[in-house]
Amino acid sequence: MRILGIETSCDETAAAVVNNGRRLLYNVVSSQVKLHSRHGGIVPELAARKHVEAINLIIEEALLQAGTDFEDLAAVAVTVGPGLPGALMVGIAAAVALGEVLKVPVYGINHLEGHIYAHFLERGQLRRGRCPQFPFVALIVSGGHTELVLCKNHGNYRILGGTRDDAAGEAFDKVARFLGLGYPGGPVIEKVAAGVKTKIKFPVPDAGRYDFSFSGLKTAVINWVYKNRPASAQIPEVAAAFQAAAVETLVRKTLSVLRDKKINTLLVGGGVAANKLLRETLEKLSREIKFDLFLPEITFCTDNAAMIAAAAYYRKKYVKKFLLLEVQPNLKIA
């Protein structure tokens, strides 16, 4: 069953062809990072316009490189939320049009659920990789979301904790911009902080049992800089201290959930899942505490359409229920 996935929730136009929810035939992503970096962040109107320009070419490339004709598709899957309204509209319109022409079903998919099903794709050049077994905990952490989700079965989710203000990736972007490091914040902070030792300590935010708060951490960085007026040579130390505090709160809350809920499997998804310190910390702890850890390949940390196609396959097989084909910018996973 070949499914064409389409993802346009934010600033990346993506398409992919996935067979039977596991085998990725081709995945292509057109990034808008250079465009938005000029503005220090995503400009929704520009993002939507670029999606319109790119969407047809991206779909054609995915099909061509996958060795798939339009007639070979069993379905089309598209992100309907959460995300930027104008950006989502472009992907949904393209998917609905294809469905009408090809006479195949179009499945509306939750972007956050997609990050979970990135782990169900076969991984690596040897086409290997096992699927996670339910129940498990998913840490979904990106520029717009920071959530801890208990996944009991396909389509059966319960949000245990989330951010009360800034998402983790949003905090990385804001701190990077304040420090003059550029955009996107996650990669640039990780780069300048690499190998840096610092005595600077920022408070690890605590917003309650399983909830997150990164606004206070961001403010602590700003206040420290205003108070201490660091030289440019000290900026990497500030970045390293911020990154350490952000990762520590993500890890601390996640381990609390695993312990309290007696769950032995953790999935991590979203753009911040590419952060090297977060990955290394969780890998080390998984060996020490003995829990099963699933980290996505770097390619599938950021927004992509392969995860959307995979989610659609498993929804059709086990849940048999899809989302309405309409823009849902504030959609929750549960």
Protein backbone atom coordinates (compact mmCIF):
# COMPACT_ATOMS: atom_id res chain seq x y z
CA MET A 1 0.00 0.00 0.00
CA ARG A 2 1.81 3.09 -1.26
CA ILE A 3 0.84 6.34 0.43
CA LEU A 4 1.94 9.80 -0.65
CA GLY A 5 2.57 11.99 2.38
CA ILE A 6 2.38 15.80 2.24
CA GLU A 7 3.64 18.08 5.01
CA THR A 8 3.39 21.90 4.98
CA SER A 9 2.66 22.77 8.60
CA CYS A 10 5.40 25.37 9.01
CA ASP A 11 8.36 26.41 6.87
CA GLU A 12 9.25 23.18 5.06
CA THR A 13 7.50 21.80 2.00
CA ALA A 14 7.79 18.02 2.13
CA ALA A 15 6.53 14.98 0.24
CA ALA A 16 7.30 11.29 0.61
CA VAL A 17 6.17 7.89 -0.63
CA VAL A 18 5.96 5.12 1.98
CA ASN A 19 4.98 1.51 1.36
CA ASN A 20 2.99 -0.36 4.03
CA GLY A 21 3.84 2.19 6.71
CA ARG A 22 7.42 0.97 6.97
CA ARG A 23 9.42 1.12 3.79
CA LEU A 24 10.39 4.62 2.77
CA LEU A 25 10.68 4.82 -0.99
CA TYR A 26 11.63 8.49 -1.12
CA ASN A 27 11.47 11.56 1.09
CA VAL A 28 12.12 15.13 -0.05
CA VAL A 29 12.08 18.36 1.95
CA SER A 30 12.35 21.90 0.58
CA SER A 31 13.55 24.11 3.42
CA GLN A 32 12.86 27.82 3.80
CA VAL A 33 15.54 28.41 6.44
CA LYS A 34 17.56 30.85 4.34
CA LEU A 35 14.46 32.91 3.61
CA HIS A 36 13.33 33.21 7.22
CA SER A 37 16.81 33.61 8.69
CA ARG A 38 16.88 37.12 7.23
CA HIS A 39 13.97 37.99 9.51
CA GLY A 40 15.20 36.14 12.60
CA GLY A 41 12.18 33.84 12.58
CA ILE A 42 9.33 32.46 10.48
CA VAL A 43 7.13 34.95 8.63
CA PRO A 44 3.82 33.10 8.07
CA GLU A 45 2.84 34.93 4.89
CA LEU A 46 6.19 34.25 3.26
CA ALA A 47 6.05 30.60 4.34
CA ALA A 48 2.64 30.08 2.71
CA ARG A 49 3.77 31.75 -0.51
CA LYS A 50 6.86 29.55 -0.74
CA HIS A 51 4.74 26.43 -0.16
CA VAL A 52 2.56 27.42 -3.15
CA GLU A 53 5.67 27.81 -5.31
CA ALA A 54 7.22 24.51 -4.24
CA ILE A 55 4.41 22.02 -3.60
CA ASN A 56 3.85 20.67 -7.14
CA LEU A 57 7.56 20.27 -7.85
CA ILE A 58 8.17 18.55 -4.51
CA ILE A 59 5.35 16.04 -5.07
CA GLU A 60 6.59 15.30 -8.58
CA GLU A 61 10.14 14.76 -7.30
CA ALA A 62 8.98 12.40 -4.55
CA LEU A 63 7.03 10.25 -6.99
CA LEU A 64 9.77 10.25 -9.62
CA GLN A 65 12.55 9.27 -7.22
CA ALA A 66 10.31 6.65 -5.58
CA GLY A 67 9.69 5.03 -8.96
CA THR A 68 5.97 5.55 -8.42
CA ASP A 69 3.27 6.75 -10.81
CA PHE A 70 0.21 8.61 -9.59
CA GLU A 71 -1.84 5.52 -10.47
CA ASP A 72 0.24 3.43 -8.04
CA LEU A 73 -0.92 5.44 -5.01
CA ALA A 74 -3.47 3.87 -2.68
CA ALA A 75 -4.00 7.08 -0.71
CA VAL A 76 -2.74 10.56 0.04
CA ALA A 77 -1.98 11.68 3.61
CA VAL A 78 -1.65 15.31 4.62
CA THR A 79 -0.98 17.29 7.78
CA VAL A 80 -4.08 19.24 8.86
CA GLY A 81 -2.62 20.64 12.10
CA PRO A 82 -1.20 21.94 14.25
CA GLY A 83 0.70 24.59 12.33
CA LEU A 84 0.47 27.90 10.49
CA PRO A 85 -2.99 28.31 8.91
CA GLY A 86 -1.78 29.56 5.54
CA ALA A 87 0.90 26.90 5.30
CA LEU A 88 -1.48 24.08 6.23
CA MET A 89 -3.99 25.28 3.66
CA VAL A 90 -1.52 24.79 0.81
CA GLY A 91 -0.83 21.15 1.67
CA ILE A 92 -4.49 20.32 2.26
CA ALA A 93 -5.55 21.91 -1.03
CA ALA A 94 -2.92 19.93 -2.93
CA ALA A 95 -3.88 16.66 -1.24
CA VAL A 96 -7.61 17.12 -1.81
CA ALA A 97 -7.04 17.97 -5.48
CA LEU A 98 -4.93 14.84 -5.95
CA GLY A 99 -7.53 12.71 -4.23
CA GLU A 100 -10.24 14.02 -6.53
CA VAL A 101 -8.23 13.42 -9.69
CA LEU A 102 -6.87 10.00 -8.69
CA LYS A 103 -10.09 8.81 -6.99
CA VAL A 104 -8.16 7.74 -3.87
CA PRO A 105 -8.86 8.55 -0.21
CA VAL A 106 -7.19 11.53 1.44
CA TYR A 107 -6.29 11.09 5.11
CA GLY A 108 -5.99 14.02 7.50
CA ILE A 109 -3.11 13.51 9.95
CA ASN A 110 -1.99 15.21 13.15
CA HIS A 111 1.55 16.55 12.78
CA LEU A 112 2.41 15.57 16.36
CA GLU A 113 1.26 12.02 15.77
CA GLY A 114 3.52 12.00 12.75
CA HIS A 115 6.56 12.52 14.97
CA ILE A 116 5.62 9.34 16.83
CA TYR A 117 5.32 7.30 13.64
CA ALA A 118 8.70 8.45 12.36
CA HIS A 119 9.92 5.62 14.62
CA PHE A 120 7.88 3.04 12.70
CA LEU A 121 9.80 3.65 9.48
CA GLU A 122 12.59 1.26 8.60
CA ARG A 123 15.87 2.93 9.51
CA GLY A 124 19.35 2.84 8.07
CA GLN A 125 20.82 1.71 4.79
CA LEU A 126 20.21 -1.94 5.67
CA ARG A 127 16.45 -1.31 5.92
CA ARG A 128 16.43 -2.50 9.46
CA GLY A 129 14.79 -1.25 12.62
CA ARG A 130 12.16 -2.56 14.95
CA CYS A 131 8.89 -0.86 15.80
CA PRO A 132 8.26 0.39 19.33
CA GLN A 133 5.91 -1.71 21.40
CA PHE A 134 2.97 -0.12 23.25
CA PRO A 135 2.69 1.31 25.81
CA PHE A 136 5.41 3.93 25.60
CA VAL A 137 6.06 7.57 26.46
CA ALA A 138 6.71 10.09 23.69
CA LEU A 139 8.64 13.30 24.28
CA ILE A 140 7.67 15.59 21.42
CA VAL A 141 9.92 18.62 21.50
CA SER A 142 10.21 21.24 18.77
CA GLY A 143 9.91 24.94 18.02
CA GLY A 144 6.19 24.93 18.66
CA HIS A 145 5.63 22.00 21.01
CA THR A 146 7.00 20.43 24.15
CA GLU A 147 4.80 17.58 25.34
CA LEU A 148 5.04 14.32 27.22
CA VAL A 149 2.48 11.88 25.84
CA LEU A 150 1.49 8.46 27.15
CA CYS A 151 0.82 6.28 24.10
CA LYS A 152 -1.31 3.31 25.12
CA ASN A 153 -2.02 2.01 21.62
CA HIS A 154 -2.44 3.22 18.04
CA GLY A 155 -4.50 6.40 18.26
CA ASN A 156 -4.86 6.14 22.04
CA TYR A 157 -2.93 9.02 23.60
CA ARG A 158 -2.96 10.93 26.85
CA ILE A 159 -1.06 14.18 27.37
CA LEU A 160 0.78 14.00 30.70
CA GLY A 161 2.59 17.30 30.55
CA GLY A 162 3.33 20.21 28.27
CA THR A 163 4.83 23.65 28.16
CA ARG A 164 3.03 26.46 29.94
CA ASP A 165 4.68 29.16 27.83
CA ASP A 166 7.54 28.89 25.35
CA ALA A 167 8.28 25.56 23.73
CA ALA A 168 11.87 24.35 24.01
CA GLY A 169 12.75 25.08 20.38
CA GLU A 170 11.13 28.50 20.66
CA ALA A 171 13.34 29.27 23.66
CA PHE A 172 16.42 28.19 21.71
CA ASP A 173 15.41 30.55 18.89
CA LYS A 174 14.79 33.50 21.20
CA VAL A 175 17.99 33.05 23.18
CA ALA A 176 20.04 32.64 20.00
CA ARG A 177 18.53 35.82 18.58
CA PHE A 178 19.22 37.72 21.80
CA LEU A 179 22.85 36.53 21.81
CA GLY A 180 23.25 37.53 18.17
CA LEU A 181 23.91 33.98 17.00
CA GLY A 182 21.34 33.79 14.20
CA TYR A 183 18.48 31.49 13.21
CA PRO A 184 17.45 28.71 13.67
CA GLY A 185 18.48 28.79 17.31
CA GLY A 186 18.85 25.09 18.07
CA PRO A 187 21.63 24.30 15.60
CA VAL A 188 23.56 27.55 16.16
CA ILE A 189 23.51 27.25 19.95
CA GLU A 190 24.60 23.62 19.73
CA LYS A 191 27.43 24.63 17.39
CA VAL A 192 28.85 27.48 19.49
CA ALA A 193 28.40 25.52 22.74
CA ALA A 194 30.18 22.40 21.46
CA GLY A 195 33.05 21.46 23.77
CA VAL A 196 32.63 24.60 25.86
CA LYS A 197 33.08 24.36 29.63
CA THR A 198 31.40 27.01 31.74
CA LYS A 199 30.84 27.89 35.37
CA ILE A 200 27.68 29.81 34.50
CA LYS A 201 24.57 28.19 35.95
CA PHE A 202 21.03 29.01 34.98
CA PRO A 203 18.06 27.75 37.01
CA VAL A 204 16.42 24.58 35.77
CA PRO A 205 12.75 25.59 35.33
CA ASP A 206 10.09 23.68 37.22
CA ALA A 207 6.48 24.30 36.21
CA GLY A 208 4.85 21.48 38.13
CA ARG A 209 4.88 17.73 38.07
CA TYR A 210 5.30 17.01 34.35
CA ASP A 211 4.91 20.48 32.84
CA PHE A 212 7.60 22.63 31.28
CA SER A 213 8.33 26.35 31.34
CA PHE A 214 11.11 27.81 29.24
CA SER A 215 10.13 31.47 29.41
CA GLY A 216 11.76 31.88 32.83
CA LEU A 217 14.97 30.26 31.62
CA LYS A 218 15.05 32.62 28.65
CA THR A 219 14.53 35.58 31.00
CA ALA A 220 17.31 34.32 33.29
CA VAL A 221 19.72 34.34 30.34
CA ILE A 222 18.69 37.86 29.35
CA ASN A 223 19.00 39.19 32.90
CA TRP A 224 22.42 37.56 33.37
CA VAL A 225 23.72 39.14 30.17
CA TYR A 226 22.43 42.59 31.12
CA LYS A 227 23.95 42.28 34.58
CA ASN A 228 27.35 40.85 33.63
CA ARG A 229 27.88 42.40 30.19
CA PRO A 230 29.94 39.45 28.91
CA ALA A 231 32.57 39.92 26.24
CA SER A 232 31.88 38.28 22.90
CA ALA A 233 34.32 35.52 23.85
CA GLN A 234 32.00 34.55 26.71
CA ILE A 235 28.90 34.14 24.54
CA PRO A 236 29.64 30.44 23.89
CA GLU A 237 29.67 29.91 27.67
CA VAL A 238 26.28 31.56 27.99
CA ALA A 239 24.94 29.40 25.14
CA ALA A 240 26.37 26.25 26.74
CA ALA A 241 24.84 27.09 30.13
CA PHE A 242 21.43 27.74 28.58
CA GLN A 243 21.57 24.50 26.58
CA ALA A 244 22.56 22.52 29.67
CA ALA A 245 19.62 23.89 31.69
CA ALA A 246 17.14 23.30 28.86
CA VAL A 247 18.29 19.72 28.35
CA GLU A 248 18.30 19.02 32.06
CA THR A 249 14.66 20.01 32.48
CA LEU A 250 13.62 17.93 29.46
CA VAL A 251 15.45 14.89 30.81
CA ARG A 252 14.35 15.34 34.42
CA LYS A 253 10.63 15.56 33.56
CA THR A 254 10.83 12.69 31.10
CA LEU A 255 12.51 10.36 33.57
CA SER A 256 9.87 11.27 36.18
CA VAL A 257 7.13 10.14 33.81
CA LEU A 258 8.88 6.86 32.98
CA ARG A 259 9.38 6.14 36.67
CA ASP A 260 5.92 7.17 37.88
CA LYS A 261 4.01 5.43 35.09
CA LYS A 262 6.30 2.38 35.17
CA ILE A 263 6.89 2.61 31.42
CA ASN A 264 10.10 1.19 30.01
CA THR A 265 10.08 2.65 26.48
CA LEU A 266 10.74 6.24 25.43
CA LEU A 267 10.34 7.81 21.99
CA VAL A 268 11.70 11.27 21.23
CA GLY A 269 10.50 13.32 18.28
CA GLY A 270 10.62 16.84 16.89
CA GLY A 271 13.35 19.23 15.83
CA VAL A 272 14.98 19.47 19.26
CA ALA A 273 15.45 15.69 19.17
CA ALA A 274 18.42 16.44 16.90
CA ASN A 275 20.25 18.16 19.76
CA LYS A 276 23.44 16.24 20.44
CA LEU A 277 23.53 16.91 24.20
CA LEU A 278 19.93 15.73 24.61
CA ARG A 279 20.57 12.60 22.57
CA GLU A 280 23.81 11.71 24.37
CA THR A 281 22.29 12.33 27.80
CA LEU A 282 19.27 10.11 27.09
CA GLU A 283 21.43 7.39 25.52
CA LYS A 284 23.68 7.34 28.59
CA LEU A 285 20.73 7.19 30.97
CA SER A 286 19.00 4.49 28.95
CA ARG A 287 22.04 2.28 29.49
CA GLU A 288 22.32 3.12 33.18
CA ILE A 289 18.63 2.95 34.12
CA LYS A 290 17.78 0.29 31.53
CA PHE A 291 14.94 1.72 29.49
CA ASP A 292 14.31 1.24 25.78
CA LEU A 293 15.14 4.44 23.89
CA PHE A 294 14.02 5.34 20.37
CA LEU A 295 15.72 8.38 18.85
CA PRO A 296 14.85 9.36 15.28
CA GLU A 297 17.50 9.68 12.62
CA ILE A 298 18.48 13.33 12.29
CA THR A 299 16.66 13.48 8.94
CA PHE A 300 13.38 12.62 10.63
CA CYS A 301 13.70 14.95 13.62
CA THR A 302 12.58 17.97 11.64
CA ASP A 303 9.30 18.19 9.73
CA ASN A 304 9.00 15.61 6.97
CA ALA A 305 6.29 13.84 5.00
CA ALA A 306 7.49 10.27 5.54
CA MET A 307 6.20 10.34 9.11
CA ILE A 308 2.82 11.62 7.89
CA ALA A 309 2.46 8.77 5.39
CA ALA A 310 3.50 6.24 8.03
CA ALA A 311 0.97 7.61 10.53
CA ALA A 312 -1.76 7.34 7.90
CA TYR A 313 -1.01 3.67 7.25
CA TYR A 314 -1.24 2.67 10.90
CA ARG A 315 -4.35 4.80 11.45
CA LYS A 316 -6.07 3.06 8.57
CA LYS A 317 -4.99 -0.37 9.81
CA TYR A 318 -5.76 -0.03 13.53
CA VAL A 319 -7.82 3.11 14.24
CA LYS A 320 -9.92 3.46 11.08
CA LYS A 321 -10.59 7.10 11.82
CA PHE A 322 -9.04 10.25 10.37
CA LEU A 323 -9.16 13.98 10.96
CA LEU A 324 -11.32 16.38 8.99
CA LEU A 325 -9.64 17.80 5.90
CA GLU A 326 -9.65 21.35 7.18
CA VAL A 327 -7.05 23.68 8.64
CA GLN A 328 -6.68 23.01 12.38
CA PRO A 329 -3.82 25.28 13.58
CA ASN A 330 -4.27 24.52 17.28
CA LEU A 331 -4.87 20.79 17.01
CA LYS A 332 -3.94 18.69 20.05
CA ILE A 333 -2.75 15.11 19.99
CA ALA A 334 -5.30 14.09 22.60
